[in-house]
Amino acid sequence: MRSIKSLLTSKPAAAHTVIDVRQTGQRILTEYILNMAVSALARADITPLYEHYMDDARLSDEDRDELARAYLLLQMTATQAADGV
């Protein structure tokens, strides 16, 4: 059983929390691409979403490049689907 003294003594400072900025950027990028994909499936114009997402300062240049590729692929898919209908 713990003594009261041991419960009242100060605890060592917790280790510093490390935030992985790259992992956060990837999570945001994934959410953005999923939102654009769902909007494209609903046959909505995804250009305003894309432009808004590209302005996000939390994304790295690599993330923006990947977002641009996803946008172009979604646009091509939407165009092909419209032609095939």
Protein backbone atom coordinates (compact mmCIF):
# COMPACT_ATOMS: atom_id res chain seq x y z
CA MET A 1 0.00 0.00 0.00
CA ARG A 2 1.31 3.41 -0.84
CA SER A 3 2.00 5.85 1.88
CA ILE A 4 0.47 9.31 1.85
CA LYS A 5 3.93 10.83 1.66
CA SER A 6 4.67 9.03 -1.61
CA LEU A 7 1.40 10.27 -3.08
CA LEU A 8 2.09 13.87 -2.10
CA THR A 9 5.65 14.10 -3.32
CA SER A 10 6.17 15.89 -6.58
CA LYS A 11 6.45 13.74 -9.62
CA PRO A 12 9.26 14.13 -12.12
CA ALA A 13 8.48 16.40 -15.03
CA ALA A 14 6.88 14.58 -17.91
CA ALA A 15 8.92 14.17 -21.05
CA HIS A 16 8.37 16.79 -23.70
CA THR A 17 5.72 15.96 -26.24
CA VAL A 18 7.06 15.70 -29.75
CA ILE A 19 4.74 16.57 -32.60
CA ASP A 20 5.61 15.06 -35.95
CA VAL A 21 4.79 17.85 -38.39
CA ARG A 22 5.16 15.54 -41.38
CA GLN A 23 2.60 13.11 -39.95
CA THR A 24 0.20 15.99 -39.27
CA GLY A 25 0.62 17.24 -42.84
CA GLN A 26 -0.06 13.75 -44.20
CA ARG A 27 -3.24 13.47 -42.13
CA ILE A 28 -4.48 16.82 -43.41
CA LEU A 29 -3.57 15.90 -46.98
CA THR A 30 -5.45 12.61 -46.69
CA GLU A 31 -8.56 14.41 -45.42
CA TYR A 32 -8.37 16.93 -48.27
CA ILE A 33 -8.01 14.24 -50.94
CA LEU A 34 -10.90 12.25 -49.47
CA ASN A 35 -13.09 15.35 -49.41
CA MET A 36 -12.26 16.09 -53.05
CA ALA A 37 -12.92 12.46 -54.04
CA VAL A 38 -16.32 12.41 -52.37
CA SER A 39 -17.21 15.74 -53.96
CA ALA A 40 -16.10 14.41 -57.36
CA LEU A 41 -18.29 11.33 -56.89
CA ALA A 42 -21.20 13.64 -56.18
CA ARG A 43 -20.34 15.35 -59.48
CA ALA A 44 -19.58 18.62 -57.75
CA ASP A 45 -16.96 21.08 -58.96
CA ILE A 46 -13.86 20.36 -56.89
CA THR A 47 -11.86 23.33 -58.16
CA PRO A 48 -12.91 25.67 -55.30
CA LEU A 49 -11.99 22.99 -52.76
CA TYR A 50 -8.64 22.43 -54.42
CA GLU A 51 -7.82 26.14 -54.49
CA HIS A 52 -8.79 26.52 -50.85
CA TYR A 53 -6.73 23.51 -49.79
CA MET A 54 -3.65 24.71 -51.71
CA ASP A 55 -3.65 27.88 -49.57
CA ASP A 56 -3.24 25.86 -46.36
CA ALA A 57 0.09 26.87 -44.80
CA ARG A 58 0.32 23.57 -42.91
CA LEU A 59 1.03 21.67 -46.13
CA SER A 60 4.58 21.22 -47.35
CA ASP A 61 5.60 21.62 -50.98
CA GLU A 62 5.55 17.83 -51.34
CA ASP A 63 2.02 17.73 -49.93
CA ARG A 64 0.92 20.40 -52.40
CA ASP A 65 2.43 18.42 -55.28
CA GLU A 66 0.54 15.32 -54.17
CA LEU A 67 -2.67 17.34 -53.79
CA ALA A 68 -2.21 18.67 -57.34
CA ARG A 69 -1.74 15.14 -58.70
CA ALA A 70 -4.87 13.95 -56.89
CA TYR A 71 -6.83 16.93 -58.24
CA LEU A 72 -5.75 16.22 -61.81
CA LEU A 73 -6.60 12.51 -61.50
CA LEU A 74 -10.02 13.31 -60.03
CA GLN A 75 -10.67 15.84 -62.80
CA MET A 76 -9.70 13.27 -65.47
CA THR A 77 -11.92 10.63 -63.87
CA ALA A 78 -14.86 13.02 -63.70
CA THR A 79 -14.39 13.99 -67.35
CA GLN A 80 -14.20 10.35 -68.45
CA ALA A 81 -17.30 9.48 -66.42
CA ALA A 82 -19.21 12.38 -68.00
CA ASP A 83 -18.16 11.28 -71.49
CA GLY A 84 -19.15 7.68 -70.82
CA VAL A 85 -22.62 8.53 -69.54
